């Protein structure tokens, strides 16, 4: 018996769009990771209400399947 190699995963338009936007964002920073990180920090400073702080979340016990409605 011959083993067949798995082919590439099927195309997913959403994943393709995310990857394309990532490439565009990185290119807009001259493909420089430090510039990208600085741009992200700048956006975070301008819009702190958009950030999620896990420390601000109340600790909850995991829900059991029987708790779900």
N, C-alpha and C. Protein backbone atom coordinates (compact mmCIF):
# COMPACT_ATOMS: atom_id res chain seq x y z
N UNK A 1 0.83 -1.17 0.00
CA UNK A 1 0.00 0.00 0.00
C UNK A 1 0.88 1.24 0.00
N UNK A 2 0.50 2.20 -0.76
CA UNK A 2 1.25 3.45 -0.77
C UNK A 2 0.52 4.47 0.11
N UNK A 3 1.32 5.24 0.82
CA UNK A 3 0.74 6.26 1.68
C UNK A 3 0.59 7.54 0.89
N UNK A 4 -0.58 8.17 0.98
CA UNK A 4 -0.77 9.43 0.28
C UNK A 4 -0.51 10.58 1.25
N UNK A 5 0.11 11.61 0.73
CA UNK A 5 0.39 12.78 1.55
C UNK A 5 -0.87 13.64 1.58
N UNK A 6 -1.15 14.20 2.74
CA UNK A 6 -2.33 15.06 2.81
C UNK A 6 -2.10 16.32 1.96
N UNK A 7 -3.12 16.74 1.28
CA UNK A 7 -3.03 17.93 0.46
C UNK A 7 -3.18 19.18 1.31
N UNK A 8 -3.09 20.32 0.67
CA UNK A 8 -3.26 21.56 1.42
C UNK A 8 -4.69 21.66 1.94
N UNK A 9 -4.87 22.36 3.05
CA UNK A 9 -6.23 22.50 3.58
C UNK A 9 -7.08 23.30 2.59
N UNK A 10 -8.37 23.10 2.63
CA UNK A 10 -9.25 23.85 1.72
C UNK A 10 -9.16 25.35 1.99
N UNK A 11 -9.33 26.12 0.96
CA UNK A 11 -9.26 27.57 1.09
C UNK A 11 -10.40 28.08 1.97
N UNK A 12 -10.10 29.07 2.77
CA UNK A 12 -11.10 29.69 3.64
C UNK A 12 -11.01 31.20 3.40
N UNK A 13 -12.03 31.80 2.80
CA UNK A 13 -11.97 33.22 2.47
C UNK A 13 -11.70 34.12 3.68
N UNK A 14 -12.24 33.79 4.83
CA UNK A 14 -12.03 34.61 6.01
C UNK A 14 -10.55 34.56 6.44
N UNK A 15 -9.99 33.38 6.48
CA UNK A 15 -8.58 33.22 6.85
C UNK A 15 -7.70 33.94 5.83
N UNK A 16 -8.04 33.81 4.55
CA UNK A 16 -7.27 34.49 3.51
C UNK A 16 -7.30 36.01 3.70
N UNK A 17 -8.46 36.55 4.06
CA UNK A 17 -8.58 37.99 4.26
C UNK A 17 -7.77 38.44 5.47
N UNK A 18 -7.82 37.68 6.56
CA UNK A 18 -7.04 38.02 7.75
C UNK A 18 -5.56 38.04 7.42
N UNK A 19 -5.11 37.03 6.69
CA UNK A 19 -3.69 36.97 6.31
C UNK A 19 -3.30 38.12 5.40
N UNK A 20 -4.18 38.48 4.48
CA UNK A 20 -3.89 39.60 3.57
C UNK A 20 -3.80 40.91 4.35
N UNK A 21 -4.72 41.12 5.26
CA UNK A 21 -4.70 42.35 6.06
C UNK A 21 -3.46 42.40 6.95
N UNK A 22 -3.04 41.26 7.47
CA UNK A 22 -1.82 41.20 8.27
C UNK A 22 -0.62 41.60 7.42
N UNK A 23 -0.55 41.06 6.20
CA UNK A 23 0.55 41.43 5.30
C UNK A 23 0.55 42.92 5.00
N UNK A 24 -0.64 43.48 4.77
CA UNK A 24 -0.74 44.91 4.47
C UNK A 24 -0.31 45.77 5.66
N UNK A 25 -0.74 45.38 6.85
CA UNK A 25 -0.38 46.12 8.05
C UNK A 25 1.14 46.08 8.27
N UNK A 26 1.71 44.91 8.12
CA UNK A 26 3.15 44.76 8.30
C UNK A 26 3.90 45.57 7.24
N UNK A 27 3.43 45.54 6.01
CA UNK A 27 4.07 46.31 4.94
C UNK A 27 3.97 47.81 5.20
N UNK A 28 2.86 48.25 5.82
CA UNK A 28 2.70 49.68 6.11
C UNK A 28 3.71 50.15 7.15
N UNK A 29 4.32 49.21 7.85
CA UNK A 29 5.36 49.52 8.84
C UNK A 29 6.74 49.15 8.29
N UNK A 30 6.86 49.14 6.96
CA UNK A 30 8.12 48.81 6.29
C UNK A 30 8.65 47.43 6.67
N UNK A 31 7.74 46.52 6.98
CA UNK A 31 8.10 45.16 7.37
C UNK A 31 9.08 45.15 8.55
N UNK A 32 8.90 46.09 9.44
CA UNK A 32 9.76 46.24 10.62
C UNK A 32 8.93 45.95 11.86
N UNK A 33 9.29 44.88 12.55
CA UNK A 33 8.50 44.45 13.71
C UNK A 33 8.50 45.50 14.81
N UNK A 34 9.59 46.21 15.00
CA UNK A 34 9.62 47.26 16.03
C UNK A 34 8.66 48.40 15.67
N UNK A 35 8.60 48.77 14.40
CA UNK A 35 7.66 49.82 13.98
C UNK A 35 6.22 49.35 14.16
N UNK A 36 5.97 48.10 13.87
CA UNK A 36 4.63 47.55 14.05
C UNK A 36 4.24 47.58 15.53
N UNK A 37 5.16 47.16 16.40
CA UNK A 37 4.87 47.17 17.84
C UNK A 37 4.61 48.60 18.32
N UNK A 38 5.38 49.55 17.84
CA UNK A 38 5.18 50.95 18.23
C UNK A 38 3.82 51.45 17.74
N UNK A 39 3.43 51.08 16.52
CA UNK A 39 2.13 51.49 15.99
C UNK A 39 1.00 50.91 16.84
N UNK A 40 1.15 49.67 17.27
CA UNK A 40 0.13 49.04 18.12
C UNK A 40 0.05 49.76 19.46
N UNK A 41 1.20 50.07 20.06
CA UNK A 41 1.20 50.80 21.33
C UNK A 41 0.54 52.17 21.18
N UNK A 42 0.77 52.83 20.06
CA UNK A 42 0.17 54.14 19.81
C UNK A 42 -1.36 54.02 19.74
N UNK A 43 -1.84 53.02 19.02
CA UNK A 43 -3.29 52.81 18.91
C UNK A 43 -3.88 52.51 20.29
N UNK A 44 -3.19 51.67 21.07
CA UNK A 44 -3.67 51.34 22.42
C UNK A 44 -3.74 52.60 23.30
N UNK A 45 -2.75 53.48 23.17
CA UNK A 45 -2.74 54.71 23.97
C UNK A 45 -3.89 55.64 23.57
N UNK A 46 -4.21 55.65 22.28
CA UNK A 46 -5.29 56.52 21.79
C UNK A 46 -6.67 55.97 22.12
N UNK A 47 -6.80 54.66 22.24
CA UNK A 47 -8.12 54.04 22.44
C UNK A 47 -8.10 53.04 23.59
N UNK A 48 -7.80 53.47 24.82
CA UNK A 48 -7.69 52.51 25.92
C UNK A 48 -9.01 51.78 26.21
N UNK A 49 -10.13 52.39 25.85
CA UNK A 49 -11.42 51.73 26.11
C UNK A 49 -11.61 50.47 25.26
N UNK A 50 -10.80 50.31 24.23
CA UNK A 50 -10.91 49.14 23.37
C UNK A 50 -10.09 47.96 23.87
N UNK A 51 -9.29 48.19 24.90
CA UNK A 51 -8.43 47.13 25.43
C UNK A 51 -9.20 46.27 26.42
N UNK A 52 -8.84 45.01 26.48
CA UNK A 52 -9.44 44.08 27.42
C UNK A 52 -8.40 43.78 28.49
N UNK A 53 -8.78 43.96 29.73
CA UNK A 53 -7.90 43.69 30.84
C UNK A 53 -8.43 42.48 31.59
N UNK A 54 -7.75 41.35 31.47
CA UNK A 54 -8.27 40.15 32.14
C UNK A 54 -8.30 40.29 33.66
N UNK A 55 -7.48 41.17 34.22
CA UNK A 55 -7.48 41.38 35.67
C UNK A 55 -8.76 42.07 36.13
N UNK A 56 -9.42 42.76 35.21
CA UNK A 56 -10.65 43.47 35.55
C UNK A 56 -11.86 42.53 35.57
N UNK A 57 -11.72 41.38 34.99
CA UNK A 57 -12.82 40.42 34.95
C UNK A 57 -12.98 39.76 36.32
N UNK A 58 -14.21 39.56 36.70
CA UNK A 58 -14.46 38.84 37.94
C UNK A 58 -14.19 37.36 37.69
N UNK A 59 -13.62 36.75 38.68
CA UNK A 59 -13.38 35.31 38.56
C UNK A 59 -14.70 34.57 38.72
N UNK A 60 -14.95 33.71 37.77
CA UNK A 60 -16.17 32.91 37.83
C UNK A 60 -15.77 31.45 37.77
N UNK A 61 -16.55 30.64 38.41
CA UNK A 61 -16.29 29.21 38.31
C UNK A 61 -16.80 28.75 36.96
N UNK A 62 -16.16 27.74 36.39
CA UNK A 62 -16.62 27.25 35.09
C UNK A 62 -18.06 26.76 35.16
N UNK A 63 -18.77 27.00 34.09
CA UNK A 63 -20.16 26.56 34.05
C UNK A 63 -20.20 25.08 33.72
N UNK A 64 -21.10 24.42 34.38
CA UNK A 64 -21.31 23.01 34.07
C UNK A 64 -22.33 22.91 32.94
N UNK A 65 -22.26 21.84 32.15
CA UNK A 65 -23.24 21.70 31.06
C UNK A 65 -24.68 21.79 31.54
N UNK A 66 -24.97 21.35 32.77
CA UNK A 66 -26.34 21.39 33.27
C UNK A 66 -26.77 22.81 33.60
N UNK A 67 -25.80 23.77 33.72
CA UNK A 67 -26.14 25.16 34.02
C UNK A 67 -26.60 25.92 32.79
N UNK A 68 -26.33 25.39 31.63
CA UNK A 68 -26.66 26.11 30.40
C UNK A 68 -28.14 26.00 30.10
N UNK A 69 -28.69 27.08 29.65
CA UNK A 69 -30.14 27.08 29.34
C UNK A 69 -30.41 26.61 27.94
